[in-house]
Amino acid sequence: MHCRTFESKIPAYIAGQLNMEEMQEFLEHLDSCRECYDELEITYSVMQGIRQLDSEDGDTTAKDLELSLDRSIYFSQDRVQKWTTRLVIKYALNTAAFWSVLMTLWFQFRFWIEGI
């Protein structure tokens, strides 16, 4: 993912509107690009700050916002990891089912040919 693409997806990430594939790419780029992390941190702080001002709970420090961002990233990484694990399990089960059906058909065909 390029930095411009990353930056365009920041509002969607903060709003929780990225699908799992987009989030995975987003987080991979975030891990490798300090400038994009800084951009996310600034945008997150501004958006969360505005949200908290609107709710009249303006008693939040920058440290709280940074901790909140770190939690958000952690939970996003956890969600992507669980999604990836479920995807691998799904493919493994589909592959096992395919081979089971194929072997059943092979035995059935063999029994049919041999007249058993």
N, C-alpha and C. Protein backbone atom coordinates (compact mmCIF):
# COMPACT_ATOMS: atom_id res chain seq x y z
N MET A 1 0.84 -1.17 0.00
CA MET A 1 0.00 0.00 0.00
C MET A 1 0.89 1.23 0.00
N HIS A 2 0.52 2.21 -0.78
CA HIS A 2 1.25 3.46 -0.83
C HIS A 2 0.76 4.39 0.27
N CYS A 3 1.59 5.35 0.62
CA CYS A 3 1.25 6.27 1.69
C CYS A 3 -0.02 7.07 1.39
N ARG A 4 -0.20 7.47 0.16
CA ARG A 4 -1.41 8.23 -0.19
C ARG A 4 -2.67 7.38 0.00
N THR A 5 -2.59 6.14 -0.40
CA THR A 5 -3.73 5.24 -0.20
C THR A 5 -4.00 5.05 1.28
N PHE A 6 -2.93 4.88 2.05
CA PHE A 6 -3.06 4.74 3.50
C PHE A 6 -3.76 5.95 4.09
N GLU A 7 -3.28 7.14 3.72
CA GLU A 7 -3.85 8.37 4.27
C GLU A 7 -5.32 8.53 3.91
N SER A 8 -5.70 8.07 2.73
CA SER A 8 -7.10 8.19 2.32
C SER A 8 -8.00 7.23 3.11
N LYS A 9 -7.41 6.18 3.68
CA LYS A 9 -8.19 5.19 4.42
C LYS A 9 -8.23 5.46 5.93
N ILE A 10 -7.52 6.46 6.37
CA ILE A 10 -7.49 6.77 7.81
C ILE A 10 -8.89 7.05 8.37
N PRO A 11 -9.68 7.93 7.75
CA PRO A 11 -11.03 8.17 8.32
C PRO A 11 -11.88 6.90 8.36
N ALA A 12 -11.79 6.07 7.34
CA ALA A 12 -12.56 4.82 7.34
C ALA A 12 -12.07 3.88 8.44
N TYR A 13 -10.76 3.85 8.68
CA TYR A 13 -10.22 3.02 9.77
C TYR A 13 -10.75 3.50 11.11
N ILE A 14 -10.68 4.79 11.34
CA ILE A 14 -11.12 5.34 12.61
C ILE A 14 -12.62 5.09 12.83
N ALA A 15 -13.38 5.17 11.74
CA ALA A 15 -14.83 4.94 11.83
C ALA A 15 -15.18 3.45 11.86
N GLY A 16 -14.18 2.57 11.68
CA GLY A 16 -14.43 1.13 11.69
C GLY A 16 -15.11 0.64 10.43
N GLN A 17 -14.82 1.27 9.30
CA GLN A 17 -15.50 0.95 8.05
C GLN A 17 -14.63 0.17 7.05
N LEU A 18 -13.44 -0.25 7.45
CA LEU A 18 -12.60 -1.04 6.55
C LEU A 18 -12.98 -2.51 6.66
N ASN A 19 -13.01 -3.19 5.50
CA ASN A 19 -13.22 -4.64 5.57
C ASN A 19 -11.91 -5.29 6.02
N MET A 20 -11.94 -6.57 6.27
CA MET A 20 -10.76 -7.24 6.85
C MET A 20 -9.54 -7.19 5.93
N GLU A 21 -9.74 -7.35 4.64
CA GLU A 21 -8.60 -7.30 3.72
C GLU A 21 -7.97 -5.91 3.70
N GLU A 22 -8.81 -4.88 3.67
CA GLU A 22 -8.30 -3.51 3.70
C GLU A 22 -7.60 -3.22 5.02
N MET A 23 -8.19 -3.70 6.12
CA MET A 23 -7.59 -3.48 7.42
C MET A 23 -6.24 -4.18 7.53
N GLN A 24 -6.14 -5.37 6.97
CA GLN A 24 -4.87 -6.10 7.01
C GLN A 24 -3.79 -5.32 6.27
N GLU A 25 -4.10 -4.83 5.07
CA GLU A 25 -3.14 -4.02 4.31
C GLU A 25 -2.81 -2.74 5.06
N PHE A 26 -3.82 -2.11 5.63
CA PHE A 26 -3.65 -0.87 6.39
C PHE A 26 -2.67 -1.09 7.54
N LEU A 27 -2.88 -2.14 8.31
CA LEU A 27 -2.05 -2.41 9.48
C LEU A 27 -0.63 -2.83 9.08
N GLU A 28 -0.50 -3.56 7.99
CA GLU A 28 0.84 -3.94 7.52
C GLU A 28 1.63 -2.69 7.14
N HIS A 29 0.96 -1.76 6.45
CA HIS A 29 1.65 -0.52 6.07
C HIS A 29 1.97 0.30 7.32
N LEU A 30 1.05 0.32 8.27
CA LEU A 30 1.25 1.08 9.50
C LEU A 30 2.49 0.60 10.25
N ASP A 31 2.70 -0.71 10.25
CA ASP A 31 3.87 -1.28 10.94
C ASP A 31 5.19 -0.88 10.28
N SER A 32 5.15 -0.59 8.99
CA SER A 32 6.40 -0.35 8.28
C SER A 32 6.66 1.12 7.94
N CYS A 33 5.73 2.02 8.28
CA CYS A 33 5.90 3.42 7.87
C CYS A 33 5.62 4.35 9.05
N ARG A 34 6.66 4.91 9.59
CA ARG A 34 6.53 5.81 10.75
C ARG A 34 5.76 7.08 10.40
N GLU A 35 5.97 7.61 9.18
CA GLU A 35 5.28 8.83 8.78
C GLU A 35 3.77 8.63 8.75
N CYS A 36 3.34 7.48 8.27
CA CYS A 36 1.91 7.19 8.21
C CYS A 36 1.35 6.96 9.62
N TYR A 37 2.14 6.37 10.50
CA TYR A 37 1.70 6.23 11.89
C TYR A 37 1.48 7.61 12.50
N ASP A 38 2.42 8.52 12.25
CA ASP A 38 2.28 9.88 12.77
C ASP A 38 1.03 10.55 12.21
N GLU A 39 0.76 10.36 10.93
CA GLU A 39 -0.43 10.92 10.31
C GLU A 39 -1.70 10.34 10.93
N LEU A 40 -1.71 9.04 11.17
CA LEU A 40 -2.84 8.39 11.82
C LEU A 40 -3.03 8.95 13.23
N GLU A 41 -1.94 9.10 13.94
CA GLU A 41 -2.00 9.60 15.31
C GLU A 41 -2.60 11.01 15.36
N ILE A 42 -2.17 11.87 14.45
CA ILE A 42 -2.70 13.24 14.40
C ILE A 42 -4.18 13.23 14.06
N THR A 43 -4.55 12.50 13.02
CA THR A 43 -5.95 12.46 12.60
C THR A 43 -6.83 11.85 13.68
N TYR A 44 -6.35 10.78 14.30
CA TYR A 44 -7.10 10.13 15.37
C TYR A 44 -7.31 11.09 16.54
N SER A 45 -6.25 11.79 16.92
CA SER A 45 -6.35 12.73 18.04
C SER A 45 -7.35 13.84 17.74
N VAL A 46 -7.31 14.37 16.53
CA VAL A 46 -8.23 15.43 16.16
C VAL A 46 -9.67 14.93 16.16
N MET A 47 -9.90 13.77 15.51
CA MET A 47 -11.26 13.25 15.42
C MET A 47 -11.81 12.86 16.79
N GLN A 48 -10.99 12.22 17.61
CA GLN A 48 -11.44 11.82 18.94
C GLN A 48 -11.63 13.06 19.82
N GLY A 49 -10.75 14.04 19.68
CA GLY A 49 -10.88 15.28 20.44
C GLY A 49 -12.18 15.99 20.12
N ILE A 50 -12.51 16.07 18.84
CA ILE A 50 -13.77 16.69 18.42
C ILE A 50 -14.95 15.89 18.95
N ARG A 51 -14.87 14.58 18.87
CA ARG A 51 -15.94 13.72 19.36
C ARG A 51 -16.15 13.93 20.87
N GLN A 52 -15.06 14.05 21.61
CA GLN A 52 -15.18 14.23 23.05
C GLN A 52 -15.67 15.63 23.40
N LEU A 53 -15.30 16.64 22.61
CA LEU A 53 -15.82 17.98 22.84
C LEU A 53 -17.32 18.03 22.59
N ASP A 54 -17.76 17.30 21.57
CA ASP A 54 -19.19 17.25 21.27
C ASP A 54 -19.97 16.58 22.38
N SER A 55 -19.33 15.61 23.05
CA SER A 55 -20.03 14.91 24.13
C SER A 55 -19.84 15.61 25.46
N GLU A 56 -19.19 16.76 25.46
CA GLU A 56 -18.94 17.57 26.65
C GLU A 56 -18.12 16.84 27.70
N ASP A 57 -17.30 15.92 27.26
CA ASP A 57 -16.37 15.22 28.15
C ASP A 57 -14.96 15.60 27.71
N GLY A 58 -14.64 16.85 27.77
CA GLY A 58 -13.37 17.36 27.28
C GLY A 58 -12.25 17.22 28.26
N ASP A 59 -12.32 16.27 29.16
CA ASP A 59 -11.33 16.09 30.21
C ASP A 59 -10.30 15.04 29.84
N THR A 60 -9.90 15.00 28.56
CA THR A 60 -8.99 13.96 28.09
C THR A 60 -7.65 14.58 27.70
N THR A 61 -6.59 13.93 28.11
CA THR A 61 -5.26 14.41 27.78
C THR A 61 -4.76 13.74 26.52
N ALA A 62 -3.66 14.26 25.98
CA ALA A 62 -3.06 13.68 24.78
C ALA A 62 -2.60 12.26 25.05
N LYS A 63 -2.17 11.98 26.27
CA LYS A 63 -1.72 10.64 26.63
C LYS A 63 -2.87 9.65 26.54
N ASP A 64 -4.07 10.08 26.97
CA ASP A 64 -5.25 9.21 26.87
C ASP A 64 -5.58 8.91 25.42
N LEU A 65 -5.44 9.91 24.55
CA LEU A 65 -5.73 9.70 23.14
C LEU A 65 -4.72 8.75 22.51
N GLU A 66 -3.45 8.90 22.91
CA GLU A 66 -2.41 8.00 22.38
C GLU A 66 -2.66 6.57 22.85
N LEU A 67 -3.05 6.41 24.10
CA LEU A 67 -3.36 5.08 24.63
C LEU A 67 -4.58 4.50 23.92
N SER A 68 -5.56 5.35 23.67
CA SER A 68 -6.76 4.92 22.97
C SER A 68 -6.42 4.46 21.54
N LEU A 69 -5.53 5.17 20.87
CA LEU A 69 -5.10 4.77 19.52
C LEU A 69 -4.36 3.45 19.58
N ASP A 70 -3.47 3.31 20.54
CA ASP A 70 -2.72 2.05 20.66
C ASP A 70 -3.66 0.87 20.91
N ARG A 71 -4.69 1.09 21.74
CA ARG A 71 -5.69 0.03 21.97
C ARG A 71 -6.44 -0.30 20.69
N SER A 72 -6.81 0.75 19.96
CA SER A 72 -7.53 0.55 18.71
C SER A 72 -6.70 -0.28 17.72
N ILE A 73 -5.43 0.04 17.61
CA ILE A 73 -4.54 -0.69 16.71
C ILE A 73 -4.39 -2.14 17.19
N TYR A 74 -4.22 -2.32 18.49
CA TYR A 74 -4.08 -3.67 19.04
C TYR A 74 -5.31 -4.52 18.74
N PHE A 75 -6.50 -3.96 19.00
CA PHE A 75 -7.72 -4.72 18.76
C PHE A 75 -7.95 -4.97 17.27
N SER A 76 -7.54 -4.03 16.43
CA SER A 76 -7.64 -4.24 14.98
C SER A 76 -6.72 -5.36 14.53
N GLN A 77 -5.50 -5.38 15.07
CA GLN A 77 -4.57 -6.45 14.73
C GLN A 77 -5.10 -7.80 15.21
N ASP A 78 -5.70 -7.81 16.39
CA ASP A 78 -6.29 -9.03 16.92
C ASP A 78 -7.43 -9.52 16.02
N ARG A 79 -8.29 -8.61 15.60
CA ARG A 79 -9.40 -8.98 14.72
C ARG A 79 -8.89 -9.54 13.39
N VAL A 80 -7.86 -8.91 12.83
CA VAL A 80 -7.31 -9.39 11.56
C VAL A 80 -6.67 -10.76 11.74
N GLN A 81 -5.96 -10.96 12.86
CA GLN A 81 -5.34 -12.26 13.11
C GLN A 81 -6.40 -13.35 13.24
N LYS A 82 -7.48 -13.09 13.97
CA LYS A 82 -8.55 -14.07 14.11
C LYS A 82 -9.22 -14.34 12.77
N TRP A 83 -9.43 -13.28 11.98
CA TRP A 83 -10.03 -13.44 10.65
C TRP A 83 -9.14 -14.30 9.76
N THR A 84 -7.84 -14.05 9.79
CA THR A 84 -6.89 -14.82 8.99
C THR A 84 -6.89 -16.28 9.43
N THR A 85 -6.91 -16.53 10.73
CA THR A 85 -6.95 -17.90 11.25
C THR A 85 -8.21 -18.62 10.79
N ARG A 86 -9.36 -17.93 10.90
CA ARG A 86 -10.62 -18.54 10.45
C ARG A 86 -10.58 -18.83 8.95
N LEU A 87 -9.97 -17.94 8.19
CA LEU A 87 -9.86 -18.14 6.74
C LEU A 87 -9.01 -19.37 6.42
N VAL A 88 -7.90 -19.54 7.12
CA VAL A 88 -7.02 -20.70 6.91
C VAL A 88 -7.76 -21.98 7.29
N ILE A 89 -8.47 -21.95 8.41
CA ILE A 89 -9.24 -23.13 8.83
C ILE A 89 -10.31 -23.46 7.81
N LYS A 90 -10.98 -22.45 7.31
CA LYS A 90 -12.02 -22.66 6.30
C LYS A 90 -11.43 -23.32 5.05
N TYR A 91 -10.29 -22.81 4.57
CA TYR A 91 -9.66 -23.41 3.40
C TYR A 91 -9.22 -24.84 3.67
N ALA A 92 -8.69 -25.09 4.88
CA ALA A 92 -8.25 -26.44 5.22
C ALA A 92 -9.44 -27.41 5.25
N LEU A 93 -10.54 -26.97 5.85
CA LEU A 93 -11.73 -27.83 5.88
C LEU A 93 -12.31 -28.07 4.49
N ASN A 94 -12.32 -27.04 3.67
CA ASN A 94 -12.80 -27.21 2.29
C ASN A 94 -11.91 -28.17 1.51
N THR A 95 -10.60 -28.08 1.72
CA THR A 95 -9.67 -28.98 1.04
C THR A 95 -9.88 -30.42 1.52
N ALA A 96 -10.04 -30.59 2.83
CA ALA A 96 -10.28 -31.93 3.38
C ALA A 96 -11.59 -32.50 2.85
N ALA A 97 -12.61 -31.68 2.77
CA ALA A 97 -13.90 -32.14 2.25
C ALA A 97 -13.77 -32.54 0.78
N PHE A 98 -13.06 -31.74 0.01
CA PHE A 98 -12.85 -32.05 -1.41
C PHE A 98 -12.17 -33.41 -1.57
N TRP A 99 -11.09 -33.63 -0.81
CA TRP A 99 -10.35 -34.89 -0.94
C TRP A 99 -11.18 -36.06 -0.43
N SER A 100 -12.00 -35.84 0.58
CA SER A 100 -12.88 -36.91 1.08
C SER A 100 -13.89 -37.33 0.02
N VAL A 101 -14.50 -36.34 -0.62
CA VAL A 101 -15.47 -36.64 -1.68
C VAL A 101 -14.77 -37.33 -2.84
N LEU A 102 -13.59 -36.85 -3.20
CA LEU A 102 -12.84 -37.45 -4.31
C LEU A 102 -12.48 -38.90 -4.01
N MET A 103 -12.02 -39.18 -2.79
CA MET A 103 -11.66 -40.55 -2.43
C MET A 103 -12.90 -41.44 -2.39
N THR A 104 -14.01 -40.92 -1.89
CA THR A 104 -15.26 -41.68 -1.86
C THR A 104 -15.69 -42.04 -3.28
N LEU A 105 -15.63 -41.08 -4.16
CA LEU A 105 -15.99 -41.35 -5.56
C LEU A 105 -15.05 -42.36 -6.19
N TRP A 106 -13.75 -42.24 -5.88
CA TRP A 106 -12.77 -43.17 -6.44
C TRP A 106 -13.07 -44.59 -5.97
N PHE A 107 -13.32 -44.77 -4.65
CA PHE A 107 -13.65 -46.10 -4.14
C PHE A 107 -14.96 -46.61 -4.73
N GLN A 108 -15.95 -45.73 -4.83
CA GLN A 108 -17.24 -46.12 -5.38
C GLN A 108 -17.08 -46.56 -6.84
N PHE A 109 -16.31 -45.81 -7.59
CA PHE A 109 -16.07 -46.16 -8.99
C PHE A 109 -15.32 -47.49 -9.09
N ARG A 110 -14.33 -47.66 -8.22
CA ARG A 110 -13.54 -48.91 -8.23
C ARG A 110 -14.42 -50.11 -7.88
N PHE A 111 -15.27 -49.95 -6.86
CA PHE A 111 -16.18 -51.03 -6.49
C PHE A 111 -17.16 -51.33 -7.62
N TRP A 112 -17.62 -50.32 -8.29
CA TRP A 112 -18.56 -50.47 -9.38
C TRP A 112 -17.91 -51.23 -10.54
N ILE A 113 -16.65 -50.88 -10.88
CA ILE A 113 -15.91 -51.54 -11.97
C ILE A 113 -15.64 -53.00 -11.62
N GLU A 114 -15.20 -53.25 -10.39
CA GLU A 114 -14.83 -54.61 -9.99
C GLU A 114 -16.07 -55.46 -9.63
N GLY A 115 -17.23 -54.82 -9.52
CA GLY A 115 -18.45 -55.56 -9.24
C GLY A 115 -18.59 -56.00 -7.80
N ILE A 116 -17.96 -55.30 -6.91
CA ILE A 116 -18.03 -55.67 -5.48
C ILE A 116 -19.31 -55.15 -4.87
